[in-house]
PDB file of N, CA and C in Angstrom:
ATOM      1  N   UNK A   1      23.506 -13.683 104.464  1.00  0.00           N
ATOM      2  CA  UNK A   1      24.138 -14.662 103.180  1.00  0.00           C
ATOM      3  C   UNK A   1      25.203 -13.567 102.346  1.00  0.00           C
ATOM      4  N   UNK A   2      25.280 -12.434 102.880  1.00  0.00           N
ATOM      5  CA  UNK A   2      26.369 -11.624 102.050  1.00  0.00           C
ATOM      6  C   UNK A   2      27.715 -12.304 102.157  1.00  0.00           C
ATOM      7  N   UNK A   3      28.084 -12.629 103.414  1.00  0.00           N
ATOM      8  CA  UNK A   3      29.336 -13.117 103.725  1.00  0.00           C
ATOM      9  C   UNK A   3      29.685 -14.482 102.697  1.00  0.00           C
ATOM     10  N   UNK A   4      28.615 -15.190 102.661  1.00  0.00           N
ATOM     11  CA  UNK A   4      28.676 -16.516 101.895  1.00  0.00           C
ATOM     12  C   UNK A   4      28.740 -16.095 100.314  1.00  0.00           C
ATOM     13  N   UNK A   5      28.091 -15.066  99.996  1.00  0.00           N
ATOM     14  CA  UNK A   5      28.238 -14.581  98.458  1.00  0.00           C
ATOM     15  C   UNK A   5      29.611 -14.374  98.303  1.00  0.00           C
ATOM     16  N   UNK A   6      30.067 -13.390  99.117  1.00  0.00           N
ATOM     17  CA  UNK A   6      31.474 -12.763  99.002  1.00  0.00           C
ATOM     18  C   UNK A   6      32.465 -13.944  98.781  1.00  0.00           C
ATOM     19  N   UNK A   7      32.391 -14.865  99.880  1.00  0.00           N
ATOM     20  CA  UNK A   7      33.232 -16.061  99.800  1.00  0.00           C
ATOM     21  C   UNK A   7      33.170 -16.851  98.614  1.00  0.00           C
ATOM     22  N   UNK A   8      32.118 -17.086  98.094  1.00  0.00           N
ATOM     23  CA  UNK A   8      31.847 -17.786  96.678  1.00  0.00           C
ATOM     24  C   UNK A   8      32.336 -17.001  95.549  1.00  0.00           C
ATOM     25  N   UNK A   9      32.155 -15.706  95.524  1.00  0.00           N
ATOM     26  CA  UNK A   9      32.635 -15.089  94.377  1.00  0.00           C
ATOM     27  C   UNK A   9      34.448 -14.820  94.590  1.00  0.00           C
ATOM     28  N   UNK A  10      34.927 -14.858  95.883  1.00  0.00           N
ATOM     29  CA  UNK A  10      36.253 -15.046  95.972  1.00  0.00           C
ATOM     30  C   UNK A  10      36.982 -16.177  95.406  1.00  0.00           C
ATOM     31  N   UNK A  11      36.109 -17.289  95.828  1.00  0.00           N
ATOM     32  CA  UNK A  11      36.655 -18.571  95.474  1.00  0.00           C
ATOM     33  C   UNK A  11      36.447 -18.796  93.950  1.00  0.00           C
ATOM     34  N   UNK A  12      35.574 -18.361  93.517  1.00  0.00           N
ATOM     35  CA  UNK A  12      35.331 -18.363  91.912  1.00  0.00           C
ATOM     36  C   UNK A  12      36.469 -17.699  91.058  1.00  0.00           C
ATOM     37  N   UNK A  13      36.820 -16.426  91.604  1.00  0.00           N
ATOM     38  CA  UNK A  13      38.017 -15.685  90.968  1.00  0.00           C
ATOM     39  C   UNK A  13      39.177 -16.680  91.015  1.00  0.00           C
ATOM     40  N   UNK A  14      39.557 -17.205  92.010  1.00  0.00           N
ATOM     41  CA  UNK A  14      40.721 -18.005  92.384  1.00  0.00           C
ATOM     42  C   UNK A  14      40.658 -19.067  91.167  1.00  0.00           C
ATOM     43  N   UNK A  15      39.459 -19.720  91.052  1.00  0.00           N
ATOM     44  CA  UNK A  15      39.509 -21.073  90.310  1.00  0.00           C
ATOM     45  C   UNK A  15      39.360 -20.476  88.766  1.00  0.00           C
ATOM     46  N   UNK A  16      38.783 -19.329  88.376  1.00  0.00           N
ATOM     47  CA  UNK A  16      38.718 -18.588  87.226  1.00  0.00           C
ATOM     48  C   UNK A  16      40.266 -18.649  86.581  1.00  0.00           C
ATOM     49  N   UNK A  17      40.961 -17.899  87.589  1.00  0.00           N
ATOM     50  CA  UNK A  17      42.502 -17.783  87.441  1.00  0.00           C
ATOM     51  C   UNK A  17      43.315 -19.138  87.161  1.00  0.00           C
ATOM     52  N   UNK A  18      43.128 -19.816  88.023  1.00  0.00           N
ATOM     53  CA  UNK A  18      43.745 -21.066  87.872  1.00  0.00           C
ATOM     54  C   UNK A  18      43.370 -21.873  86.565  1.00  0.00           C
ATOM     55  N   UNK A  19      42.159 -21.765  86.150  1.00  0.00           N
ATOM     56  CA  UNK A  19      41.749 -22.624  84.987  1.00  0.00           C
ATOM     57  C   UNK A  19      42.234 -21.831  83.550  1.00  0.00           C
ATOM     58  N   UNK A  20      42.397 -20.608  83.733  1.00  0.00           N
ATOM     59  CA  UNK A  20      42.863 -19.823  82.649  1.00  0.00           C
ATOM     60  C   UNK A  20      44.152 -20.114  82.208  1.00  0.00           C
ATOM     61  N   UNK A  21      45.019 -20.222  83.392  1.00  0.00           N
ATOM     62  CA  UNK A  21      46.435 -20.381  83.482  1.00  0.00           C
ATOM     63  C   UNK A  21      46.790 -21.986  82.814  1.00  0.00           C
ATOM     64  N   UNK A  22      45.988 -22.883  83.261  1.00  0.00           N
ATOM     65  CA  UNK A  22      45.982 -24.462  82.841  1.00  0.00           C
ATOM     66  C   UNK A  22      45.621 -24.288  81.539  1.00  0.00           C
ATOM     67  N   UNK A  23      44.437 -23.530  81.099  1.00  0.00           N
ATOM     68  CA  UNK A  23      44.044 -23.702  79.664  1.00  0.00           C
ATOM     69  C   UNK A  23      45.202 -22.887  78.651  1.00  0.00           C
ATOM     70  N   UNK A  24      45.781 -22.082  79.164  1.00  0.00           N
ATOM     71  CA  UNK A  24      46.962 -21.620  78.264  1.00  0.00           C
ATOM     72  C   UNK A  24      48.203 -22.350  77.954  1.00  0.00           C
ATOM     73  N   UNK A  25      48.189 -23.577  78.759  1.00  0.00           N
ATOM     74  CA  UNK A  25      49.226 -24.531  78.649  1.00  0.00           C
ATOM     75  C   UNK A  25      50.028 -24.848  79.839  1.00  0.00           C
ATOM     76  N   UNK A  26      49.786 -24.291  80.859  1.00  0.00           N
ATOM     77  CA  UNK A  26      50.608 -24.585  82.009  1.00  0.00           C
ATOM     78  C   UNK A  26      49.977 -25.903  82.835  1.00  0.00           C
ATOM     79  N   UNK A  27      50.306 -26.923  82.308  1.00  0.00           N
ATOM     80  CA  UNK A  27      49.647 -27.866  83.129  1.00  0.00           C
ATOM     81  C   UNK A  27      50.279 -28.566  84.113  1.00  0.00           C
ATOM     82  N   UNK A  28      51.280 -27.751  84.399  1.00  0.00           N
ATOM     83  CA  UNK A  28      52.168 -28.200  85.638  1.00  0.00           C
ATOM     84  C   UNK A  28      51.655 -27.755  87.025  1.00  0.00           C
ATOM     85  N   UNK A  29      50.457 -27.249  87.024  1.00  0.00           N
ATOM     86  CA  UNK A  29      49.443 -26.813  88.174  1.00  0.00           C
ATOM     87  C   UNK A  29      48.726 -27.805  88.385  1.00  0.00           C
ATOM     88  N   UNK A  30      48.497 -28.672  87.505  1.00  0.00           N
ATOM     89  CA  UNK A  30      47.705 -30.164  87.708  1.00  0.00           C
ATOM     90  C   UNK A  30      48.797 -31.218  88.594  1.00  0.00           C
ATOM     91  N   UNK A  31      48.456 -31.861  89.640  1.00  0.00           N
ATOM     92  CA  UNK A  31      49.317 -32.689  90.103  1.00  0.00           C
ATOM     93  C   UNK A  31      49.838 -33.717  89.126  1.00  0.00           C
ATOM     94  N   UNK A  32      51.077 -34.122  89.470  1.00  0.00           N
ATOM     95  CA  UNK A  32      52.003 -35.120  88.641  1.00  0.00           C
ATOM     96  C   UNK A  32      51.424 -36.320  88.365  1.00  0.00           C
ATOM     97  N   UNK A  33      50.980 -36.831  89.260  1.00  0.00           N
ATOM     98  CA  UNK A  33      50.029 -38.022  89.553  1.00  0.00           C
ATOM     99  C   UNK A  33      48.998 -38.044  88.555  1.00  0.00           C
ATOM    100  N   UNK A  34      47.997 -37.040  88.408  1.00  0.00           N
ATOM    101  CA  UNK A  34      46.994 -37.063  87.557  1.00  0.00           C
ATOM    102  C   UNK A  34      47.444 -37.001  86.159  1.00  0.00           C
ATOM    103  N   UNK A  35      48.733 -36.862  85.757  1.00  0.00           N
ATOM    104  CA  UNK A  35      49.442 -36.792  84.385  1.00  0.00           C
ATOM    105  C   UNK A  35      50.209 -37.967  84.009  1.00  0.00           C
ATOM    106  N   UNK A  36      50.359 -38.947  84.733  1.00  0.00           N
ATOM    107  CA  UNK A  36      51.245 -39.971  84.609  1.00  0.00           C
ATOM    108  C   UNK A  36      51.088 -40.652  83.228  1.00  0.00           C
ATOM    109  N   UNK A  37      50.044 -40.710  82.631  1.00  0.00           N
ATOM    110  CA  UNK A  37      49.784 -41.596  81.402  1.00  0.00           C
ATOM    111  C   UNK A  37      49.454 -40.641  80.385  1.00  0.00           C
ATOM    112  N   UNK A  38      49.565 -39.340  80.565  1.00  0.00           N
ATOM    113  CA  UNK A  38      48.958 -38.465  79.200  1.00  0.00           C
ATOM    114  C   UNK A  38      50.195 -38.208  78.532  1.00  0.00           C
ATOM    115  N   UNK A  39      50.092 -38.595  77.380  1.00  0.00           N
ATOM    116  CA  UNK A  39      51.209 -38.417  76.660  1.00  0.00           C
ATOM    117  C   UNK A  39      51.796 -36.789  76.278  1.00  0.00           C
ATOM    118  N   UNK A  40      52.967 -36.683  75.817  1.00  0.00           N
ATOM    119  CA  UNK A  40      53.290 -35.319  75.672  1.00  0.00           C
ATOM    120  C   UNK A  40      52.559 -34.622  74.558  1.00  0.00           C
ATOM    121  N   UNK A  41      52.236 -35.175  73.551  1.00  0.00           N
ATOM    122  CA  UNK A  41      51.225 -34.651  72.566  1.00  0.00           C
ATOM    123  C   UNK A  41      50.058 -34.170  72.749  1.00  0.00           C
ATOM    124  N   UNK A  42      49.351 -34.974  74.013  1.00  0.00           N
ATOM    125  CA  UNK A  42      48.077 -34.648  74.698  1.00  0.00           C
ATOM    126  C   UNK A  42      48.046 -33.503  75.702  1.00  0.00           C
ATOM    127  N   UNK A  43      49.364 -33.165  75.923  1.00  0.00           N
ATOM    128  CA  UNK A  43      49.291 -32.268  77.215  1.00  0.00           C
ATOM    129  C   UNK A  43      48.352 -30.929  77.165  1.00  0.00           C
ATOM    130  N   UNK A  44      48.550 -30.319  76.043  1.00  0.00           N
ATOM    131  CA  UNK A  44      47.693 -29.208  75.532  1.00  0.00           C
ATOM    132  C   UNK A  44      46.124 -29.536  75.564  1.00  0.00           C
ATOM    133  N   UNK A  45      45.788 -30.516  74.890  1.00  0.00           N
ATOM    134  CA  UNK A  45      44.638 -30.917  74.830  1.00  0.00           C
ATOM    135  C   UNK A  45      43.904 -31.313  76.374  1.00  0.00           C
ATOM    136  N   UNK A  46      44.697 -31.946  77.071  1.00  0.00           N
ATOM    137  CA  UNK A  46      44.240 -32.330  78.323  1.00  0.00           C
ATOM    138  C   UNK A  46      44.186 -31.223  79.329  1.00  0.00           C
ATOM    139  N   UNK A  47      45.186 -30.097  79.369  1.00  0.00           N
ATOM    140  CA  UNK A  47      45.010 -28.935  80.035  1.00  0.00           C
ATOM    141  C   UNK A  47      43.798 -28.071  79.626  1.00  0.00           C
ATOM    142  N   UNK A  48      43.581 -28.134  78.364  1.00  0.00           N
ATOM    143  CA  UNK A  48      42.105 -27.290  77.836  1.00  0.00           C
ATOM    144  C   UNK A  48      41.047 -28.029  78.549  1.00  0.00           C
ATOM    145  N   UNK A  49      40.841 -29.439  78.399  1.00  0.00           N
ATOM    146  CA  UNK A  49      39.878 -29.987  78.545  1.00  0.00           C
ATOM    147  C   UNK A  49      39.549 -30.220  80.323  1.00  0.00           C
ATOM    148  N   UNK A  50      40.834 -30.071  81.101  1.00  0.00           N
ATOM    149  CA  UNK A  50      40.609 -30.323  82.454  1.00  0.00           C
ATOM    150  C   UNK A  50      40.251 -28.545  83.155  1.00  0.00           C
ATOM    151  N   UNK A  51      40.650 -27.736  82.356  1.00  0.00           N
ATOM    152  CA  UNK A  51      40.331 -26.319  82.666  1.00  0.00           C
ATOM    153  C   UNK A  51      38.755 -26.157  82.400  1.00  0.00           C
ATOM    154  N   UNK A  52      38.195 -26.787  81.658  1.00  0.00           N
ATOM    155  CA  UNK A  52      36.841 -26.713  81.436  1.00  0.00           C
ATOM    156  C   UNK A  52      35.984 -27.274  82.644  1.00  0.00           C
ATOM    157  N   UNK A  53      36.432 -28.158  83.249  1.00  0.00           N
ATOM    158  CA  UNK A  53      36.004 -28.630  84.763  1.00  0.00           C
ATOM    159  C   UNK A  53      36.042 -27.557  85.467  1.00  0.00           C
ATOM    160  N   UNK A  54      37.084 -26.768  85.673  1.00  0.00           N
ATOM    161  CA  UNK A  54      37.381 -25.891  86.631  1.00  0.00           C
ATOM    162  C   UNK A  54      36.537 -24.598  86.323  1.00  0.00           C
ATOM    163  N   UNK A  55      36.307 -24.208  84.969  1.00  0.00           N
ATOM    164  CA  UNK A  55      35.521 -23.140  84.948  1.00  0.00           C
ATOM    165  C   UNK A  55      33.991 -23.465  85.293  1.00  0.00           C
ATOM    166  N   UNK A  56      33.463 -24.843  84.949  1.00  0.00           N
ATOM    167  CA  UNK A  56      32.235 -25.051  85.397  1.00  0.00           C
ATOM    168  C   UNK A  56      32.216 -24.878  87.215  1.00  0.00           C
ATOM    169  N   UNK A  57      33.242 -25.292  87.537  1.00  0.00           N
ATOM    170  CA  UNK A  57      33.107 -25.379  89.258  1.00  0.00           C
ATOM    171  C   UNK A  57      32.980 -23.859  89.675  1.00  0.00           C
ATOM    172  N   UNK A  58      33.956 -22.919  88.837  1.00  0.00           N
ATOM    173  CA  UNK A  58      33.526 -21.539  89.036  1.00  0.00           C
ATOM    174  C   UNK A  58      32.431 -21.020  88.852  1.00  0.00           C
ATOM    175  N   UNK A  59      31.763 -21.385  87.846  1.00  0.00           N
ATOM    176  CA  UNK A  59      30.390 -21.055  87.344  1.00  0.00           C
ATOM    177  C   UNK A  59      29.411 -21.165  88.653  1.00  0.00           C
ATOM    178  N   UNK A  60      29.563 -22.467  88.967  1.00  0.00           N
ATOM    179  CA  UNK A  60      28.721 -22.973  90.136  1.00  0.00           C
ATOM    180  C   UNK A  60      28.900 -22.211  91.427  1.00  0.00           C
ATOM    181  N   UNK A  61      30.176 -21.569  91.509  1.00  0.00           N
ATOM    182  CA  UNK A  61      30.408 -20.848  92.622  1.00  0.00           C
ATOM    183  C   UNK A  61      29.664 -19.628  92.695  1.00  0.00           C
ATOM    184  N   UNK A  62      29.801 -18.920  91.361  1.00  0.00           N
ATOM    185  CA  UNK A  62      29.198 -17.815  91.058  1.00  0.00           C
ATOM    186  C   UNK A  62      27.555 -17.765  91.141  1.00  0.00           C
ATOM    187  N   UNK A  63      27.091 -18.873  90.707  1.00  0.00           N
ATOM    188  CA  UNK A  63      25.661 -19.083  90.608  1.00  0.00           C
ATOM    189  C   UNK A  63      25.035 -19.436  92.229  1.00  0.00           C
ATOM    190  N   UNK A  64      25.647 -19.961  92.836  1.00  0.00           N
ATOM    191  CA  UNK A  64      25.550 -20.203  94.298  1.00  0.00           C
ATOM    192  C   UNK A  64      25.600 -18.918  95.050  1.00  0.00           C
ATOM    193  N   UNK A  65      26.535 -18.166  94.862  1.00  0.00           N
ATOM    194  CA  UNK A  65      26.549 -16.677  95.611  1.00  0.00           C
ATOM    195  C   UNK A  65      25.550 -15.816  94.993  1.00  0.00           C
ATOM    196  N   UNK A  66      25.133 -15.955  93.787  1.00  0.00           N
ATOM    197  CA  UNK A  66      23.869 -15.272  93.251  1.00  0.00           C
ATOM    198  C   UNK A  66      22.697 -15.420  93.940  1.00  0.00           C
ATOM    199  N   UNK A  67      22.377 -16.806  93.954  1.00  0.00           N
ATOM    200  CA  UNK A  67      21.054 -17.287  94.616  1.00  0.00           C
ATOM    201  C   UNK A  67      21.106 -16.966  96.079  1.00  0.00           C
ATOM    202  N   UNK A  68      22.306 -17.126  96.687  1.00  0.00           N
ATOM    203  CA  UNK A  68      22.453 -16.486  98.239  1.00  0.00           C
ATOM    204  C   UNK A  68      22.080 -15.143  98.430  1.00  0.00           C
ATOM    205  N   UNK A  69      22.169 -14.412  97.391  1.00  0.00           N
ATOM    206  CA  UNK A  69      21.665 -12.699  97.769  1.00  0.00           C
ATOM    207  C   UNK A  69      20.239 -12.661  97.589  1.00  0.00           C
ATOM    208  N   UNK A  70      19.643 -13.375  97.106  1.00  0.00           N
ATOM    209  CA  UNK A  70      18.080 -13.607  97.048  1.00  0.00           C
ATOM    210  C   UNK A  70      17.437 -13.400  98.324  1.00  0.00           C
ATOM    211  N   UNK A  71      18.019 -13.652  99.546  1.00  0.00           N
ATOM    212  CA  UNK A  71      17.272 -13.460 100.846  1.00  0.00           C
ATOM    213  C   UNK A  71      18.010 -14.280 101.825  1.00  0.00           C
ATOM    214  N   UNK A  72      17.289 -14.092 103.049  1.00  0.00           N
ATOM    215  CA  UNK A  72      17.894 -14.729 104.272  1.00  0.00           C
ATOM    216  C   UNK A  72      17.004 -15.953 104.511  1.00  0.00           C
ATOM    217  N   UNK A  73      16.275 -16.253 103.957  1.00  0.00           N
ATOM    218  CA  UNK A  73      15.137 -17.403 104.423  1.00  0.00           C
ATOM    219  C   UNK A  73      16.016 -18.734 104.294  1.00  0.00           C
ATOM    220  N   UNK A  74      15.606 -19.933 104.937  1.00  0.00           N
ATOM    221  CA  UNK A  74      16.129 -21.257 104.923  1.00  0.00           C
ATOM    222  C   UNK A  74      16.041 -21.952 103.549  1.00  0.00           C
ATOM    223  N   UNK A  75      15.009 -21.479 102.789  1.00  0.00           N
ATOM    224  CA  UNK A  75      14.532 -22.046 101.466  1.00  0.00           C
ATOM    225  C   UNK A  75      15.931 -21.535 100.388  1.00  0.00           C
ATOM    226  N   UNK A  76      16.159 -20.022 100.592  1.00  0.00           N
ATOM    227  CA  UNK A  76      17.105 -19.628  99.904  1.00  0.00           C
ATOM    228  C   UNK A  76      18.576 -20.307 100.013  1.00  0.00           C
ATOM    229  N   UNK A  77      18.936 -20.401 101.490  1.00  0.00           N
ATOM    230  CA  UNK A  77      20.048 -21.032 101.702  1.00  0.00           C
ATOM    231  C   UNK A  77      20.154 -22.374 101.297  1.00  0.00           C
ATOM    232  N   UNK A  78      19.143 -23.232 101.345  1.00  0.00           N
ATOM    233  CA  UNK A  78      18.915 -24.666 100.803  1.00  0.00           C
ATOM    234  C   UNK A  78      19.010 -24.522  99.349  1.00  0.00           C
ATOM    235  N   UNK A  79      18.487 -23.588  98.603  1.00  0.00           N
ATOM    236  CA  UNK A  79      18.726 -23.631  97.111  1.00  0.00           C
ATOM    237  C   UNK A  79      19.999 -23.100  96.770  1.00  0.00           C
ATOM    238  N   UNK A  80      20.837 -22.060  97.615  1.00  0.00           N
ATOM    239  CA  UNK A  80      22.197 -21.927  97.251  1.00  0.00           C
ATOM    240  C   UNK A  80      23.065 -23.228  97.397  1.00  0.00           C
ATOM    241  N   UNK A  81      22.935 -23.712  98.406  1.00  0.00           N
ATOM    242  CA  UNK A  81      23.546 -25.039  98.716  1.00  0.00           C
ATOM    243  C   UNK A  81      23.458 -26.065  97.603  1.00  0.00           C
ATOM    244  N   UNK A  82      22.231 -26.333  97.361  1.00  0.00           N
ATOM    245  CA  UNK A  82      21.900 -27.101  96.406  1.00  0.00           C
ATOM    246  C   UNK A  82      22.565 -26.993  94.955  1.00  0.00           C
ATOM    247  N   UNK A  83      22.492 -25.502  94.491  1.00  0.00           N
ATOM    248  CA  UNK A  83      23.205 -25.218  93.266  1.00  0.00           C
ATOM    249  C   UNK A  83      24.795 -25.284  93.318  1.00  0.00           C
ATOM    250  N   UNK A  84      25.357 -25.241  94.524  1.00  0.00           N
ATOM    251  CA  UNK A  84      26.671 -25.330  94.819  1.00  0.00           C
ATOM    252  C   UNK A  84      27.047 -26.782  94.551  1.00  0.00           C
ATOM    253  N   UNK A  85      26.215 -27.699  95.309  1.00  0.00           N
ATOM    254  CA  UNK A  85      26.638 -29.288  94.906  1.00  0.00           C
ATOM    255  C   UNK A  85      26.391 -29.695  93.575  1.00  0.00           C
ATOM    256  N   UNK A  86      25.354 -29.400  92.909  1.00  0.00           N
ATOM    257  CA  UNK A  86      24.945 -29.576  91.703  1.00  0.00           C
ATOM    258  C   UNK A  86      26.061 -29.186  90.812  1.00  0.00           C
ATOM    259  N   UNK A  87      26.474 -28.052  91.033  1.00  0.00           N
ATOM    260  CA  UNK A  87      27.569 -27.408  90.215  1.00  0.00           C
ATOM    261  C   UNK A  87      28.731 -28.370  90.250  1.00  0.00           C
ATOM    262  N   UNK A  88      29.187 -28.638  91.460  1.00  0.00           N
ATOM    263  CA  UNK A  88      30.497 -29.547  91.915  1.00  0.00           C
ATOM    264  C   UNK A  88      30.229 -30.807  91.282  1.00  0.00           C
ATOM    265  N   UNK A  89      29.430 -31.559  91.482  1.00  0.00           N
ATOM    266  CA  UNK A  89      29.065 -32.933  90.980  1.00  0.00           C
ATOM    267  C   UNK A  89      29.415 -32.751  89.304  1.00  0.00           C
ATOM    268  N   UNK A  90      28.683 -31.846  88.856  1.00  0.00           N
ATOM    269  CA  UNK A  90      28.946 -31.639  87.222  1.00  0.00           C
ATOM    270  C   UNK A  90      30.265 -31.453  86.871  1.00  0.00           C
ATOM    271  N   UNK A  91      31.073 -30.379  87.782  1.00  0.00           N
ATOM    272  CA  UNK A  91      32.603 -30.483  87.478  1.00  0.00           C
ATOM    273  C   UNK A  91      33.394 -31.430  87.765  1.00  0.00           C
ATOM    274  N   UNK A  92      33.012 -32.207  88.749  1.00  0.00           N
ATOM    275  CA  UNK A  92      33.791 -33.438  88.941  1.00  0.00           C
ATOM    276  C   UNK A  92      33.602 -34.525  87.917  1.00  0.00           C
ATOM    277  N   UNK A  93      32.295 -34.589  87.382  1.00  0.00           N
ATOM    278  CA  UNK A  93      32.123 -35.385  86.491  1.00  0.00           C
ATOM    279  C   UNK A  93      33.045 -35.042  85.036  1.00  0.00           C
ATOM    280  N   UNK A  94      33.051 -33.753  84.887  1.00  0.00           N
ATOM    281  CA  UNK A  94      33.822 -33.538  83.622  1.00  0.00           C
ATOM    282  C   UNK A  94      35.345 -33.887  83.769  1.00  0.00           C
ATOM    283  N   UNK A  95      35.708 -33.555  84.881  1.00  0.00           N
ATOM    284  CA  UNK A  95      37.065 -33.782  85.291  1.00  0.00           C
ATOM    285  C   UNK A  95      37.364 -35.309  85.109  1.00  0.00           C
ATOM    286  N   UNK A  96      36.370 -35.886  85.623  1.00  0.00           N
ATOM    287  CA  UNK A  96      36.582 -37.595  85.784  1.00  0.00           C
ATOM    288  C   UNK A  96      36.707 -38.009  84.093  1.00  0.00           C
ATOM    289  N   UNK A  97      35.740 -37.670  83.429  1.00  0.00           N
ATOM    290  CA  UNK A  97      35.768 -37.795  81.990  1.00  0.00           C
ATOM    291  C   UNK A  97      37.040 -37.453  81.327  1.00  0.00           C
ATOM    292  N   UNK A  98      37.587 -36.279  81.521  1.00  0.00           N
ATOM    293  CA  UNK A  98      39.004 -35.829  81.126  1.00  0.00           C
ATOM    294  C   UNK A  98      40.046 -36.932  81.657  1.00  0.00           C
ATOM    295  N   UNK A  99      40.066 -37.230  82.987  1.00  0.00           N
ATOM    296  CA  UNK A  99      41.074 -38.292  83.535  1.00  0.00           C
ATOM    297  C   UNK A  99      40.862 -39.717  82.715  1.00  0.00           C
ATOM    298  N   UNK A 100      39.446 -39.956  82.483  1.00  0.00           N
ATOM    299  CA  UNK A 100      39.649 -41.437  81.902  1.00  0.00           C
ATOM    300  C   UNK A 100      39.871 -41.411  80.464  1.00  0.00           C
ATOM    301  N   UNK A 101      39.689 -40.023  79.671  1.00  0.00           N
ATOM    302  CA  UNK A 101      40.282 -40.213  78.304  1.00  0.00           C
ATOM    303  C   UNK A 101      41.503 -39.928  78.347  1.00  0.00           C
ATOM    304  N   UNK A 102      42.169 -39.036  78.766  1.00  0.00           N
ATOM    305  CA  UNK A 102      43.654 -38.771  78.847  1.00  0.00           C
ATOM    306  C   UNK A 102      44.697 -39.684  79.539  1.00  0.00           C
ATOM    307  N   UNK A 103      44.149 -40.011  80.828  1.00  0.00           N
ATOM    308  CA  UNK A 103      45.025 -40.465  81.656  1.00  0.00           C
ATOM    309  C   UNK A 103      44.783 -42.247  81.922  1.00  0.00           C
ATOM    310  N   UNK A 104      43.610 -42.561  81.111  1.00  0.00           N
ATOM    311  CA  UNK A 104      43.303 -43.929  81.480  1.00  0.00           C
ATOM    312  C   UNK A 104      42.750 -44.164  82.879  1.00  0.00           C
ATOM    313  N   UNK A 105      42.052 -43.347  83.595  1.00  0.00           N
ATOM    314  CA  UNK A 105      41.566 -43.548  84.688  1.00  0.00           C
ATOM    315  C   UNK A 105      42.154 -42.814  85.657  1.00  0.00           C
ATOM    316  N   UNK A 106      41.691 -42.977  87.032  1.00  0.00           N
ATOM    317  CA  UNK A 106      42.210 -42.139  88.204  1.00  0.00           C
ATOM    318  C   UNK A 106      43.331 -42.818  88.567  1.00  0.00           C
TER     319      UNK A 106
END
């Protein structure tokens, strides 16, 4: 499970960096299609809100990697993947809420 943990930590670092750059105002990293109806005045708030979803995703990757370090048993693997999917679901829900609020939907 060490390889899984290393992969989760590496992916988390990438998402944290991406989220930090978006949080600081570089919303051009978000696909233009997702920003079609976001007003120029709301771009900064949109970027900050969107990046929170990415931070949640990174946190779930880190937590899943930590859980995977607890052992090699099938129950630990199941728990690690469950944490990952739960975190992904929460992250996508946050991003969906942001899209609905600032873009009028998907």
